[in-house]
Amino acid sequence: MTKLLTEAFARIEQLPDEDQDALASALLAELASESKIDALIASRPDVLRELADNALAEHAAGRTRPLIPGT
């Protein structure tokens, strides 16, 4: 476990049980979602390539803007 994750868990241990359970549920849901996304991407690399190509074309055409203004 990384130092940062260890620190986060140490701070979480100080919270009431209800808050700890809420954070645990959110973390587990996020991990499950990431697994599903990874599996979908692995099963359909052609779709990911098409999405990437479309995004690059949008950018090349000047139809994108930075997520952080000024960058």
C-alpha atoms as a PDB file:
ATOM      1  CA  MET A   1       0.000   0.000   0.000  1.00  0.00           C
ATOM      2  CA  THR A   2       1.291   3.450  -0.836  1.00  0.00           C
ATOM      3  CA  LYS A   3       2.072   6.076   1.783  1.00  0.00           C
ATOM      4  CA  LEU A   4      -0.752   8.302   0.536  1.00  0.00           C
ATOM      5  CA  LEU A   5      -3.321   5.509   0.666  1.00  0.00           C
ATOM      6  CA  THR A   6      -2.142   4.541   4.147  1.00  0.00           C
ATOM      7  CA  GLU A   7      -2.604   8.171   5.236  1.00  0.00           C
ATOM      8  CA  ALA A   8      -6.079   8.295   3.709  1.00  0.00           C
ATOM      9  CA  PHE A   9      -7.153   5.117   5.498  1.00  0.00           C
ATOM     10  CA  ALA A  10      -5.729   6.391   8.790  1.00  0.00           C
ATOM     11  CA  ARG A  11      -7.854   9.521   8.473  1.00  0.00           C
ATOM     12  CA  ILE A  12     -10.909   7.525   7.441  1.00  0.00           C
ATOM     13  CA  GLU A  13     -10.548   5.367  10.563  1.00  0.00           C
ATOM     14  CA  GLN A  14     -11.231   8.478  12.622  1.00  0.00           C
ATOM     15  CA  LEU A  15     -14.654   8.982  11.034  1.00  0.00           C
ATOM     16  CA  PRO A  16     -17.904   7.568  12.388  1.00  0.00           C
ATOM     17  CA  ASP A  17     -18.762   4.061  11.173  1.00  0.00           C
ATOM     18  CA  GLU A  18     -21.558   5.364   8.950  1.00  0.00           C
ATOM     19  CA  ASP A  19     -19.158   7.710   7.119  1.00  0.00           C
ATOM     20  CA  GLN A  20     -16.564   4.949   6.810  1.00  0.00           C
ATOM     21  CA  ASP A  21     -19.162   2.675   5.224  1.00  0.00           C
ATOM     22  CA  ALA A  22     -20.253   5.416   2.824  1.00  0.00           C
ATOM     23  CA  LEU A  23     -16.674   5.979   1.686  1.00  0.00           C
ATOM     24  CA  ALA A  24     -16.084   2.240   1.369  1.00  0.00           C
ATOM     25  CA  SER A  25     -19.228   1.844  -0.743  1.00  0.00           C
ATOM     26  CA  ALA A  26     -18.191   4.703  -3.016  1.00  0.00           C
ATOM     27  CA  LEU A  27     -14.689   3.300  -3.430  1.00  0.00           C
ATOM     28  CA  LEU A  28     -15.943  -0.198  -4.190  1.00  0.00           C
ATOM     29  CA  ALA A  29     -18.443   1.163  -6.720  1.00  0.00           C
ATOM     30  CA  GLU A  30     -15.684   3.165  -8.422  1.00  0.00           C
ATOM     31  CA  LEU A  31     -13.428   0.113  -8.608  1.00  0.00           C
ATOM     32  CA  ALA A  32     -16.257  -1.987 -10.064  1.00  0.00           C
ATOM     33  CA  SER A  33     -16.979   0.708 -12.635  1.00  0.00           C
ATOM     34  CA  GLU A  34     -13.325   0.882 -13.647  1.00  0.00           C
ATOM     35  CA  SER A  35     -13.267  -2.898 -14.083  1.00  0.00           C
ATOM     36  CA  LYS A  36     -16.309  -2.750 -16.345  1.00  0.00           C
ATOM     37  CA  ILE A  37     -14.785   0.031 -18.435  1.00  0.00           C
ATOM     38  CA  ASP A  38     -11.510  -1.866 -18.760  1.00  0.00           C
ATOM     39  CA  ALA A  39     -13.354  -4.996 -19.861  1.00  0.00           C
ATOM     40  CA  LEU A  40     -15.411  -3.076 -22.429  1.00  0.00           C
ATOM     41  CA  ILE A  41     -12.330  -1.391 -23.874  1.00  0.00           C
ATOM     42  CA  ALA A  42     -10.462  -4.696 -24.023  1.00  0.00           C
ATOM     43  CA  SER A  43     -13.370  -6.383 -25.791  1.00  0.00           C
ATOM     44  CA  ARG A  44     -13.863  -3.594 -28.362  1.00  0.00           C
ATOM     45  CA  PRO A  45     -10.566  -1.844 -29.158  1.00  0.00           C
ATOM     46  CA  ASP A  46     -12.047  -0.795 -32.509  1.00  0.00           C
ATOM     47  CA  VAL A  47     -14.622   1.393 -30.739  1.00  0.00           C
ATOM     48  CA  LEU A  48     -11.940   3.044 -28.619  1.00  0.00           C
ATOM     49  CA  ARG A  49      -9.850   3.697 -31.738  1.00  0.00           C
ATOM     50  CA  GLU A  50     -12.861   5.256 -33.470  1.00  0.00           C
ATOM     51  CA  LEU A  51     -13.566   7.501 -30.478  1.00  0.00           C
ATOM     52  CA  ALA A  52      -9.923   8.560 -30.351  1.00  0.00           C
ATOM     53  CA  ASP A  53      -9.867   9.277 -34.087  1.00  0.00           C
ATOM     54  CA  ASN A  54     -13.038  11.364 -33.773  1.00  0.00           C
ATOM     55  CA  ALA A  55     -11.592  13.338 -30.867  1.00  0.00           C
ATOM     56  CA  LEU A  56      -8.372  14.019 -32.757  1.00  0.00           C
ATOM     57  CA  ALA A  57     -10.315  15.134 -35.817  1.00  0.00           C
ATOM     58  CA  GLU A  58     -12.426  17.498 -33.690  1.00  0.00           C
ATOM     59  CA  HIS A  59      -9.255  18.953 -32.206  1.00  0.00           C
ATOM     60  CA  ALA A  60      -7.552  19.318 -35.590  1.00  0.00           C
ATOM     61  CA  ALA A  61     -10.646  21.139 -36.875  1.00  0.00           C
ATOM     62  CA  GLY A  62     -10.441  23.611 -34.004  1.00  0.00           C
ATOM     63  CA  ARG A  63     -13.681  22.456 -32.397  1.00  0.00           C
ATOM     64  CA  THR A  64     -12.181  21.761 -28.970  1.00  0.00           C
ATOM     65  CA  ARG A  65     -11.109  23.935 -26.088  1.00  0.00           C
ATOM     66  CA  PRO A  66      -8.889  23.298 -23.071  1.00  0.00           C
ATOM     67  CA  LEU A  67     -10.499  21.854 -19.964  1.00  0.00           C
ATOM     68  CA  ILE A  68      -8.463  24.369 -17.999  1.00  0.00           C
ATOM     69  CA  PRO A  69      -8.656  27.816 -19.600  1.00  0.00           C
ATOM     70  CA  GLY A  70      -5.268  29.341 -20.324  1.00  0.00           C
ATOM     71  CA  THR A  71      -3.500  26.047 -20.976  1.00  0.00           C
END
